[in-house]
Every structure is written in C-alpha cells, then in structure tokens.
Amino acid sequence: MFRILKITGDSMSPEFVDGDFVVIATIPVFLRRLKAGDVIVFRHAGYGTLIKKVERVAEGGDLIVAGTQADSLDSRRLGPISPDKVRGKVIWRIHK
C-alpha cells in the first residue's frame, strides 16, 4: 500500500536531500500510470534501491530516469528501468 523511506545521498537535491523521508505508493494502479515527471523508487541489481525522476517512458514501457545533479546515476549508466523493478511512486515528502 504505502511505505516510508529515508533519503540517503544528494542525487535528487534540492528537491530531496539526505535525511528527508518520502512516502511511496506501492499500489499497482499507481505504478501502471507512470509518466514523465513522476519520482519513483526502484531496485537496481548493481546499485540497490534508488530514487529518480522519470524523464520519459520509452517504447515498450521501459522508464528513462535521471537525478537532478549532473553527476548522479541515470539511465545513461543504469540503462532503461523495467516497470517491474519499480517499488513505488513518491506521493509525499517530509523534509528533515
């Protein structure tokens, strides 16, 4: 349904900073309708759990993601993100 996660790192600052908390919706209906601009939490085999903004939805439904910092991990290094790797969509943030 919903989960609360703590942000670590600064790849999404200033919108989300180290120590903030986010509430994510894990309800499938939210996850089927992802679009550019949505902020998602997903699992990556090499990097663990990440939070990124959806830049666009590619053909086939894969997600192209990016952080807000120039040196943050994004789809250029991660590759496209399969929707089945998405753990949730950020619906609320709690600043530290």
PDB file of N, CA and C in Angstrom:
ATOM      1  N   MET A   1       0.808  -1.190   0.000  1.00  0.00           N
ATOM      2  CA  MET A   1       0.000   0.000   0.000  1.00  0.00           C
ATOM      3  C   MET A   1       0.861   1.269   0.000  1.00  0.00           C
ATOM      4  N   PHE A   2       1.450   1.586   1.164  1.00  0.00           N
ATOM      5  CA  PHE A   2       2.304   2.753   1.301  1.00  0.00           C
ATOM      6  C   PHE A   2       3.513   2.378   2.146  1.00  0.00           C
ATOM      7  N   ARG A   3       4.632   3.011   1.852  1.00  0.00           N
ATOM      8  CA  ARG A   3       5.852   2.805   2.640  1.00  0.00           C
ATOM      9  C   ARG A   3       6.517   4.151   2.866  1.00  0.00           C
ATOM     10  N   ILE A   4       7.256   4.242   3.959  1.00  0.00           N
ATOM     11  CA  ILE A   4       8.059   5.437   4.248  1.00  0.00           C
ATOM     12  C   ILE A   4       9.522   5.047   4.120  1.00  0.00           C
ATOM     13  N   LEU A   5      10.265   5.814   3.337  1.00  0.00           N
ATOM     14  CA  LEU A   5      11.686   5.563   3.128  1.00  0.00           C
ATOM     15  C   LEU A   5      12.492   6.811   3.446  1.00  0.00           C
ATOM     16  N   LYS A   6      13.708   6.607   3.927  1.00  0.00           N
ATOM     17  CA  LYS A   6      14.615   7.721   4.214  1.00  0.00           C
ATOM     18  C   LYS A   6      15.560   7.912   3.037  1.00  0.00           C
ATOM     19  N   ILE A   7      15.743   9.160   2.647  1.00  0.00           N
ATOM     20  CA  ILE A   7      16.647   9.511   1.553  1.00  0.00           C
ATOM     21  C   ILE A   7      18.077   9.527   2.069  1.00  0.00           C
ATOM     22  N   THR A   8      18.968   8.884   1.332  1.00  0.00           N
ATOM     23  CA  THR A   8      20.403   8.985   1.606  1.00  0.00           C
ATOM     24  C   THR A   8      21.078   9.451   0.323  1.00  0.00           C
ATOM     25  N   GLY A   9      21.970  10.388   0.445  1.00  0.00           N
ATOM     26  CA  GLY A   9      22.655  10.927  -0.723  1.00  0.00           C
ATOM     27  C   GLY A   9      21.986  12.200  -1.213  1.00  0.00           C
ATOM     28  N   ASP A  10      22.591  12.791  -2.260  1.00  0.00           N
ATOM     29  CA  ASP A  10      22.089  14.079  -2.739  1.00  0.00           C
ATOM     30  C   ASP A  10      21.825  14.120  -4.240  1.00  0.00           C
ATOM     31  N   SER A  11      21.651  12.956  -4.863  1.00  0.00           N
ATOM     32  CA  SER A  11      21.470  12.948  -6.316  1.00  0.00           C
ATOM     33  C   SER A  11      20.159  13.586  -6.755  1.00  0.00           C
ATOM     34  N   MET A  12      19.232  13.789  -5.820  1.00  0.00           N
ATOM     35  CA  MET A  12      17.948  14.409  -6.168  1.00  0.00           C
ATOM     36  C   MET A  12      17.770  15.770  -5.498  1.00  0.00           C
ATOM     37  N   SER A  13      18.859  16.329  -4.934  1.00  0.00           N
ATOM     38  CA  SER A  13      18.736  17.636  -4.289  1.00  0.00           C
ATOM     39  C   SER A  13      18.594  18.727  -5.357  1.00  0.00           C
ATOM     40  N   PRO A  14      17.939  19.791  -5.073  1.00  0.00           N
ATOM     41  CA  PRO A  14      17.431  20.231  -3.780  1.00  0.00           C
ATOM     42  C   PRO A  14      16.022  19.716  -3.463  1.00  0.00           C
ATOM     43  N   GLU A  15      15.380  19.024  -4.391  1.00  0.00           N
ATOM     44  CA  GLU A  15      14.012  18.548  -4.130  1.00  0.00           C
ATOM     45  C   GLU A  15      13.964  17.553  -2.971  1.00  0.00           C
ATOM     46  N   PHE A  16      14.901  16.625  -2.949  1.00  0.00           N
ATOM     47  CA  PHE A  16      15.014  15.643  -1.872  1.00  0.00           C
ATOM     48  C   PHE A  16      16.463  15.653  -1.407  1.00  0.00           C
ATOM     49  N   VAL A  17      16.674  15.831  -0.104  1.00  0.00           N
ATOM     50  CA  VAL A  17      18.036  15.884   0.415  1.00  0.00           C
ATOM     51  C   VAL A  17      18.256  14.766   1.430  1.00  0.00           C
ATOM     52  N   ASP A  18      19.527  14.484   1.674  1.00  0.00           N
ATOM     53  CA  ASP A  18      19.918  13.463   2.623  1.00  0.00           C
ATOM     54  C   ASP A  18      19.207  13.684   3.954  1.00  0.00           C
ATOM     55  N   GLY A  19      18.509  12.666   4.430  1.00  0.00           N
ATOM     56  CA  GLY A  19      17.789  12.773   5.697  1.00  0.00           C
ATOM     57  C   GLY A  19      16.296  13.013   5.555  1.00  0.00           C
ATOM     58  N   ASP A  20      15.849  13.451   4.385  1.00  0.00           N
ATOM     59  CA  ASP A  20      14.408  13.580   4.151  1.00  0.00           C
ATOM     60  C   ASP A  20      13.765  12.197   4.161  1.00  0.00           C
ATOM     61  N   PHE A  21      12.463  12.183   4.329  1.00  0.00           N
ATOM     62  CA  PHE A  21      11.690  10.954   4.200  1.00  0.00           C
ATOM     63  C   PHE A  21      10.691  11.136   3.066  1.00  0.00           C
ATOM     64  N   VAL A  22      10.348  10.049   2.395  1.00  0.00           N
ATOM     65  CA  VAL A  22       9.317  10.081   1.365  1.00  0.00           C
ATOM     66  C   VAL A  22       8.310   8.985   1.641  1.00  0.00           C
ATOM     67  N   VAL A  23       7.088   9.264   1.263  1.00  0.00           N
ATOM     68  CA  VAL A  23       6.036   8.254   1.300  1.00  0.00           C
ATOM     69  C   VAL A  23       5.843   7.796  -0.140  1.00  0.00           C
ATOM     70  N   ILE A  24       5.916   6.481  -0.344  1.00  0.00           N
ATOM     71  CA  ILE A  24       5.714   5.948  -1.688  1.00  0.00           C
ATOM     72  C   ILE A  24       4.446   5.099  -1.716  1.00  0.00           C
ATOM     73  N   ALA A  25       3.740   5.204  -2.833  1.00  0.00           N
ATOM     74  CA  ALA A  25       2.566   4.361  -3.067  1.00  0.00           C
ATOM     75  C   ALA A  25       3.042   3.114  -3.787  1.00  0.00           C
ATOM     76  N   THR A  26       2.672   1.970  -3.262  1.00  0.00           N
ATOM     77  CA  THR A  26       3.059   0.700  -3.876  1.00  0.00           C
ATOM     78  C   THR A  26       1.864  -0.002  -4.512  1.00  0.00           C
ATOM     79  N   ILE A  27       0.742   0.686  -4.555  1.00  0.00           N
ATOM     80  CA  ILE A  27      -0.491   0.139  -5.123  1.00  0.00           C
ATOM     81  C   ILE A  27      -0.317   0.030  -6.646  1.00  0.00           C
ATOM     82  N   PRO A  28      -0.578  -1.150  -7.213  1.00  0.00           N
ATOM     83  CA  PRO A  28      -0.345  -1.349  -8.652  1.00  0.00           C
ATOM     84  C   PRO A  28      -0.992  -0.319  -9.564  1.00  0.00           C
ATOM     85  N   VAL A  29      -2.164   0.204  -9.215  1.00  0.00           N
ATOM     86  CA  VAL A  29      -2.825   1.187 -10.081  1.00  0.00           C
ATOM     87  C   VAL A  29      -1.968   2.449 -10.236  1.00  0.00           C
ATOM     88  N   PHE A  30      -1.234   2.846  -9.191  1.00  0.00           N
ATOM     89  CA  PHE A  30      -0.327   3.994  -9.285  1.00  0.00           C
ATOM     90  C   PHE A  30       0.859   3.675 -10.192  1.00  0.00           C
ATOM     91  N   LEU A  31       1.323   2.457 -10.149  1.00  0.00           N
ATOM     92  CA  LEU A  31       2.539   2.081 -10.863  1.00  0.00           C
ATOM     93  C   LEU A  31       2.292   1.803 -12.346  1.00  0.00           C
ATOM     94  N   ARG A  32       1.059   1.563 -12.731  1.00  0.00           N
ATOM     95  CA  ARG A  32       0.746   1.314 -14.143  1.00  0.00           C
ATOM     96  C   ARG A  32       0.650   2.602 -14.937  1.00  0.00           C
ATOM     97  N   ARG A  33       0.550   3.724 -14.256  1.00  0.00           N
ATOM     98  CA  ARG A  33       0.321   5.005 -14.933  1.00  0.00           C
ATOM     99  C   ARG A  33       1.495   5.963 -14.786  1.00  0.00           C
ATOM    100  N   LEU A  34       2.702   5.452 -14.758  1.00  0.00           N
ATOM    101  CA  LEU A  34       3.874   6.313 -14.597  1.00  0.00           C
ATOM    102  C   LEU A  34       4.078   7.154 -15.844  1.00  0.00           C
ATOM    103  N   LYS A  35       4.524   8.391 -15.618  1.00  0.00           N
ATOM    104  CA  LYS A  35       4.736   9.316 -16.733  1.00  0.00           C
ATOM    105  C   LYS A  35       5.928  10.214 -16.433  1.00  0.00           C
ATOM    106  N   ALA A  36       6.372  10.944 -17.439  1.00  0.00           N
ATOM    107  CA  ALA A  36       7.479  11.884 -17.268  1.00  0.00           C
ATOM    108  C   ALA A  36       7.153  12.847 -16.139  1.00  0.00           C
ATOM    109  N   GLY A  37       8.139  13.075 -15.268  1.00  0.00           N
ATOM    110  CA  GLY A  37       7.973  13.971 -14.135  1.00  0.00           C
ATOM    111  C   GLY A  37       7.690  13.252 -12.827  1.00  0.00           C
ATOM    112  N   ASP A  38       7.204  12.006 -12.893  1.00  0.00           N
ATOM    113  CA  ASP A  38       6.979  11.233 -11.674  1.00  0.00           C
ATOM    114  C   ASP A  38       8.315  10.892 -11.025  1.00  0.00           C
ATOM    115  N   VAL A  39       8.336  10.844  -9.711  1.00  0.00           N
ATOM    116  CA  VAL A  39       9.522  10.422  -8.973  1.00  0.00           C
ATOM    117  C   VAL A  39       9.235   9.013  -8.466  1.00  0.00           C
ATOM    118  N   ILE A  40      10.160   8.097  -8.765  1.00  0.00           N
ATOM    119  CA  ILE A  40       9.958   6.691  -8.430  1.00  0.00           C
ATOM    120  C   ILE A  40      11.109   6.155  -7.591  1.00  0.00           C
ATOM    121  N   VAL A  41      10.824   5.096  -6.875  1.00  0.00           N
ATOM    122  CA  VAL A  41      11.834   4.324  -6.162  1.00  0.00           C
ATOM    123  C   VAL A  41      11.870   2.973  -6.838  1.00  0.00           C
ATOM    124  N   PHE A  42      13.070   2.521  -7.184  1.00  0.00           N
ATOM    125  CA  PHE A  42      13.195   1.243  -7.876  1.00  0.00           C
ATOM    126  C   PHE A  42      14.422   0.496  -7.396  1.00  0.00           C
ATOM    127  N   ARG A  43      14.465  -0.758  -7.726  1.00  0.00           N
ATOM    128  CA  ARG A  43      15.579  -1.623  -7.339  1.00  0.00           C
ATOM    129  C   ARG A  43      16.437  -1.888  -8.573  1.00  0.00           C
ATOM    130  N   HIS A  44      17.753  -1.686  -8.424  1.00  0.00           N
ATOM    131  CA  HIS A  44      18.704  -1.953  -9.499  1.00  0.00           C
ATOM    132  C   HIS A  44      19.686  -3.008  -9.001  1.00  0.00           C
ATOM    133  N   ALA A  45      19.948  -4.012  -9.814  1.00  0.00           N
ATOM    134  CA  ALA A  45      20.803  -5.126  -9.395  1.00  0.00           C
ATOM    135  C   ALA A  45      22.189  -4.669  -8.945  1.00  0.00           C
ATOM    136  N   GLY A  46      22.761  -3.693  -9.599  1.00  0.00           N
ATOM    137  CA  GLY A  46      24.111  -3.261  -9.276  1.00  0.00           C
ATOM    138  C   GLY A  46      24.214  -2.163  -8.235  1.00  0.00           C
ATOM    139  N   TYR A  47      23.136  -1.391  -8.048  1.00  0.00           N
ATOM    140  CA  TYR A  47      23.207  -0.212  -7.178  1.00  0.00           C
ATOM    141  C   TYR A  47      22.214  -0.224  -6.019  1.00  0.00           C
ATOM    142  N   GLY A  48      21.351  -1.196  -5.946  1.00  0.00           N
ATOM    143  CA  GLY A  48      20.391  -1.265  -4.843  1.00  0.00           C
ATOM    144  C   GLY A  48      19.160  -0.429  -5.099  1.00  0.00           C
ATOM    145  N   THR A  49      18.606   0.115  -4.039  1.00  0.00           N
ATOM    146  CA  THR A  49      17.381   0.910  -4.125  1.00  0.00           C
ATOM    147  C   THR A  49      17.733   2.360  -4.431  1.00  0.00           C
ATOM    148  N   LEU A  50      17.096   2.913  -5.461  1.00  0.00           N
ATOM    149  CA  LEU A  50      17.383   4.273  -5.927  1.00  0.00           C
ATOM    150  C   LEU A  50      16.100   5.068  -6.065  1.00  0.00           C
ATOM    151  N   ILE A  51      16.224   6.377  -5.966  1.00  0.00           N
ATOM    152  CA  ILE A  51      15.117   7.291  -6.224  1.00  0.00           C
ATOM    153  C   ILE A  51      15.532   8.189  -7.382  1.00  0.00           C
ATOM    154  N   LYS A  52      14.675   8.293  -8.389  1.00  0.00           N
ATOM    155  CA  LYS A  52      14.966   9.109  -9.572  1.00  0.00           C
ATOM    156  C   LYS A  52      13.676   9.648 -10.158  1.00  0.00           C
ATOM    157  N   LYS A  53      13.831  10.655 -11.004  1.00  0.00           N
ATOM    158  CA  LYS A  53      12.692  11.230 -11.718  1.00  0.00           C
ATOM    159  C   LYS A  53      12.590  10.575 -13.096  1.00  0.00           C
ATOM    160  N   VAL A  54      11.380  10.251 -13.505  1.00  0.00           N
ATOM    161  CA  VAL A  54      11.144   9.687 -14.836  1.00  0.00           C
ATOM    162  C   VAL A  54      11.288  10.822 -15.854  1.00  0.00           C
ATOM    163  N   GLU A  55      12.233  10.658 -16.776  1.00  0.00           N
ATOM    164  CA  GLU A  55      12.394  11.638 -17.858  1.00  0.00           C
ATOM    165  C   GLU A  55      11.391  11.377 -18.969  1.00  0.00           C
ATOM    166  N   ARG A  56      11.250  10.083 -19.291  1.00  0.00           N
ATOM    167  CA  ARG A  56      10.282   9.710 -20.322  1.00  0.00           C
ATOM    168  C   ARG A  56      10.013   8.216 -20.238  1.00  0.00           C
ATOM    169  N   VAL A  57       8.934   7.819 -20.861  1.00  0.00           N
ATOM    170  CA  VAL A  57       8.592   6.412 -20.975  1.00  0.00           C
ATOM    171  C   VAL A  57       8.941   6.000 -22.396  1.00  0.00           C
ATOM    172  N   ALA A  58       9.861   5.033 -22.519  1.00  0.00           N
ATOM    173  CA  ALA A  58      10.322   4.582 -23.825  1.00  0.00           C
ATOM    174  C   ALA A  58       9.315   3.609 -24.433  1.00  0.00           C
ATOM    175  N   GLU A  59       9.503   3.334 -25.719  1.00  0.00           N
ATOM    176  CA  GLU A  59       8.669   2.314 -26.359  1.00  0.00           C
ATOM    177  C   GLU A  59       8.839   1.009 -25.602  1.00  0.00           C
ATOM    178  N   GLY A  60       7.774   0.296 -25.436  1.00  0.00           N
ATOM    179  CA  GLY A  60       7.818  -0.940 -24.669  1.00  0.00           C
ATOM    180  C   GLY A  60       7.573  -0.730 -23.194  1.00  0.00           C
ATOM    181  N   GLY A  61       7.447   0.544 -22.761  1.00  0.00           N
ATOM    182  CA  GLY A  61       7.108   0.831 -21.379  1.00  0.00           C
ATOM    183  C   GLY A  61       8.278   1.006 -20.433  1.00  0.00           C
ATOM    184  N   ASP A  62       9.529   0.773 -20.893  1.00  0.00           N
ATOM    185  CA  ASP A  62      10.679   0.996 -20.018  1.00  0.00           C
ATOM    186  C   ASP A  62      10.790   2.477 -19.659  1.00  0.00           C
ATOM    187  N   LEU A  63      11.361   2.742 -18.485  1.00  0.00           N
ATOM    188  CA  LEU A  63      11.456   4.107 -17.971  1.00  0.00           C
ATOM    189  C   LEU A  63      12.874   4.638 -18.112  1.00  0.00           C
ATOM    190  N   ILE A  64      12.992   5.835 -18.615  1.00  0.00           N
ATOM    191  CA  ILE A  64      14.272   6.536 -18.699  1.00  0.00           C
ATOM    192  C   ILE A  64      14.273   7.511 -17.529  1.00  0.00           C
ATOM    193  N   VAL A  65      15.280   7.372 -16.639  1.00  0.00           N
ATOM    194  CA  VAL A  65      15.285   8.130 -15.388  1.00  0.00           C
ATOM    195  C   VAL A  65      16.531   9.002 -15.261  1.00  0.00           C
ATOM    196  N   ALA A  66      16.434  10.004 -14.388  1.00  0.00           N
ATOM    197  CA  ALA A  66      17.565  10.898 -14.127  1.00  0.00           C
ATOM    198  C   ALA A  66      17.454  11.463 -12.719  1.00  0.00           C
ATOM    199  N   GLY A  67      18.614  11.856 -12.176  1.00  0.00           N
ATOM    200  CA  GLY A  67      18.659  12.608 -10.928  1.00  0.00           C
ATOM    201  C   GLY A  67      18.686  14.080 -11.276  1.00  0.00           C
ATOM    202  N   THR A  68      18.755  14.922 -10.258  1.00  0.00           N
ATOM    203  CA  THR A  68      18.785  16.361 -10.522  1.00  0.00           C
ATOM    204  C   THR A  68      20.203  16.920 -10.517  1.00  0.00           C
ATOM    205  N   GLN A  69      21.168  16.122 -10.134  1.00  0.00           N
ATOM    206  CA  GLN A  69      22.564  16.547 -10.118  1.00  0.00           C
ATOM    207  C   GLN A  69      23.276  16.031 -11.367  1.00  0.00           C
ATOM    208  N   ALA A  70      24.192  16.810 -11.900  1.00  0.00           N
ATOM    209  CA  ALA A  70      24.878  16.441 -13.135  1.00  0.00           C
ATOM    210  C   ALA A  70      25.629  15.116 -13.032  1.00  0.00           C
ATOM    211  N   ASP A  71      26.156  14.797 -11.845  1.00  0.00           N
ATOM    212  CA  ASP A  71      26.946  13.572 -11.707  1.00  0.00           C
ATOM    213  C   ASP A  71      26.166  12.409 -11.099  1.00  0.00           C
ATOM    214  N   SER A  72      24.837  12.538 -10.987  1.00  0.00           N
ATOM    215  CA  SER A  72      24.059  11.447 -10.394  1.00  0.00           C
ATOM    216  C   SER A  72      23.863  10.318 -11.403  1.00  0.00           C
ATOM    217  N   LEU A  73      23.632   9.134 -10.875  1.00  0.00           N
ATOM    218  CA  LEU A  73      23.337   7.994 -11.732  1.00  0.00           C
ATOM    219  C   LEU A  73      22.044   8.255 -12.483  1.00  0.00           C
ATOM    220  N   ASP A  74      22.015   7.865 -13.750  1.00  0.00           N
ATOM    221  CA  ASP A  74      20.788   7.982 -14.519  1.00  0.00           C
ATOM    222  C   ASP A  74      20.774   6.878 -15.568  1.00  0.00           C
ATOM    223  N   SER A  75      19.830   6.939 -16.465  1.00  0.00           N
ATOM    224  CA  SER A  75      19.679   5.869 -17.448  1.00  0.00           C
ATOM    225  C   SER A  75      20.857   5.771 -18.417  1.00  0.00           C
ATOM    226  N   ARG A  76      21.687   6.803 -18.484  1.00  0.00           N
ATOM    227  CA  ARG A  76      22.890   6.679 -19.332  1.00  0.00           C
ATOM    228  C   ARG A  76      23.807   5.595 -18.787  1.00  0.00           C
ATOM    229  N   ARG A  77      23.846   5.434 -17.446  1.00  0.00           N
ATOM    230  CA  ARG A  77      24.672   4.391 -16.820  1.00  0.00           C
ATOM    231  C   ARG A  77      23.854   3.192 -16.365  1.00  0.00           C
ATOM    232  N   LEU A  78      22.633   3.435 -15.946  1.00  0.00           N
ATOM    233  CA  LEU A  78      21.792   2.356 -15.434  1.00  0.00           C
ATOM    234  C   LEU A  78      21.078   1.585 -16.530  1.00  0.00           C
ATOM    235  N   GLY A  79      20.885   2.233 -17.679  1.00  0.00           N
ATOM    236  CA  GLY A  79      20.050   1.661 -18.722  1.00  0.00           C
ATOM    237  C   GLY A  79      18.593   1.967 -18.421  1.00  0.00           C
ATOM    238  N   PRO A  80      17.693   1.562 -19.318  1.00  0.00           N
ATOM    239  CA  PRO A  80      16.276   1.785 -19.054  1.00  0.00           C
ATOM    240  C   PRO A  80      15.821   0.927 -17.881  1.00  0.00           C
ATOM    241  N   ILE A  81      14.853   1.429 -17.136  1.00  0.00           N
ATOM    242  CA  ILE A  81      14.344   0.725 -15.965  1.00  0.00           C
ATOM    243  C   ILE A  81      13.040   0.024 -16.341  1.00  0.00           C
ATOM    244  N   SER A  82      13.022  -1.267 -16.134  1.00  0.00           N
ATOM    245  CA  SER A  82      11.815  -2.048 -16.397  1.00  0.00           C
ATOM    246  C   SER A  82      10.762  -1.719 -15.341  1.00  0.00           C
ATOM    247  N   PRO A  83       9.512  -1.550 -15.741  1.00  0.00           N
ATOM    248  CA  PRO A  83       8.468  -1.225 -14.760  1.00  0.00           C
ATOM    249  C   PRO A  83       8.351  -2.245 -13.623  1.00  0.00           C
ATOM    250  N   ASP A  84       8.738  -3.484 -13.852  1.00  0.00           N
ATOM    251  CA  ASP A  84       8.635  -4.478 -12.771  1.00  0.00           C
ATOM    252  C   ASP A  84       9.684  -4.275 -11.684  1.00  0.00           C
ATOM    253  N   LYS A  85      10.643  -3.401 -11.898  1.00  0.00           N
ATOM    254  CA  LYS A  85      11.658  -3.073 -10.886  1.00  0.00           C
ATOM    255  C   LYS A  85      11.230  -1.915  -9.988  1.00  0.00           C
ATOM    256  N   VAL A  86      10.148  -1.239 -10.355  1.00  0.00           N
ATOM    257  CA  VAL A  86       9.669  -0.083  -9.589  1.00  0.00           C
ATOM    258  C   VAL A  86       9.011  -0.573  -8.309  1.00  0.00           C
ATOM    259  N   ARG A  87       9.476  -0.026  -7.185  1.00  0.00           N
ATOM    260  CA  ARG A  87       8.930  -0.362  -5.866  1.00  0.00           C
ATOM    261  C   ARG A  87       7.786   0.555  -5.473  1.00  0.00           C
ATOM    262  N   GLY A  88       7.814   1.796  -5.992  1.00  0.00           N
ATOM    263  CA  GLY A  88       6.750   2.723  -5.649  1.00  0.00           C
ATOM    264  C   GLY A  88       6.938   4.079  -6.289  1.00  0.00           C
ATOM    265  N   LYS A  89       5.880   4.860  -6.227  1.00  0.00           N
ATOM    266  CA  LYS A  89       5.876   6.231  -6.734  1.00  0.00           C
ATOM    267  C   LYS A  89       5.805   7.172  -5.532  1.00  0.00           C
ATOM    268  N   VAL A  90       6.668   8.180  -5.523  1.00  0.00           N
ATOM    269  CA  VAL A  90       6.684   9.145  -4.429  1.00  0.00           C
ATOM    270  C   VAL A  90       5.416   9.987  -4.499  1.00  0.00           C
ATOM    271  N   ILE A  91       4.689  10.020  -3.381  1.00  0.00           N
ATOM    272  CA  ILE A  91       3.465  10.815  -3.337  1.00  0.00           C
ATOM    273  C   ILE A  91       3.542  11.940  -2.301  1.00  0.00           C
ATOM    274  N   TRP A  92       4.584  11.880  -1.444  1.00  0.00           N
ATOM    275  CA  TRP A  92       4.717  12.920  -0.421  1.00  0.00           C
ATOM    276  C   TRP A  92       6.132  12.908   0.122  1.00  0.00           C
ATOM    277  N   ARG A  93       6.642  14.067   0.453  1.00  0.00           N
ATOM    278  CA  ARG A  93       7.972  14.135   1.068  1.00  0.00           C
ATOM    279  C   ARG A  93       7.886  14.832   2.411  1.00  0.00           C
ATOM    280  N   ILE A  94       8.754  14.430   3.301  1.00  0.00           N
ATOM    281  CA  ILE A  94       8.837  15.019   4.645  1.00  0.00           C
ATOM    282  C   ILE A  94      10.258  15.539   4.800  1.00  0.00           C
ATOM    283  N   HIS A  95      10.408  16.863   4.810  1.00  0.00           N
ATOM    284  CA  HIS A  95      11.746  17.456   4.928  1.00  0.00           C
ATOM    285  C   HIS A  95      12.300  17.243   6.318  1.00  0.00           C
ATOM    286  N   LYS A  96      13.621  17.042   6.390  1.00  0.00           N
ATOM    287  CA  LYS A  96      14.253  16.838   7.703  1.00  0.00           C
ATOM    288  C   LYS A  96      14.287  18.107   8.499  1.00  0.00           C
TER     289      LYS A  96
END
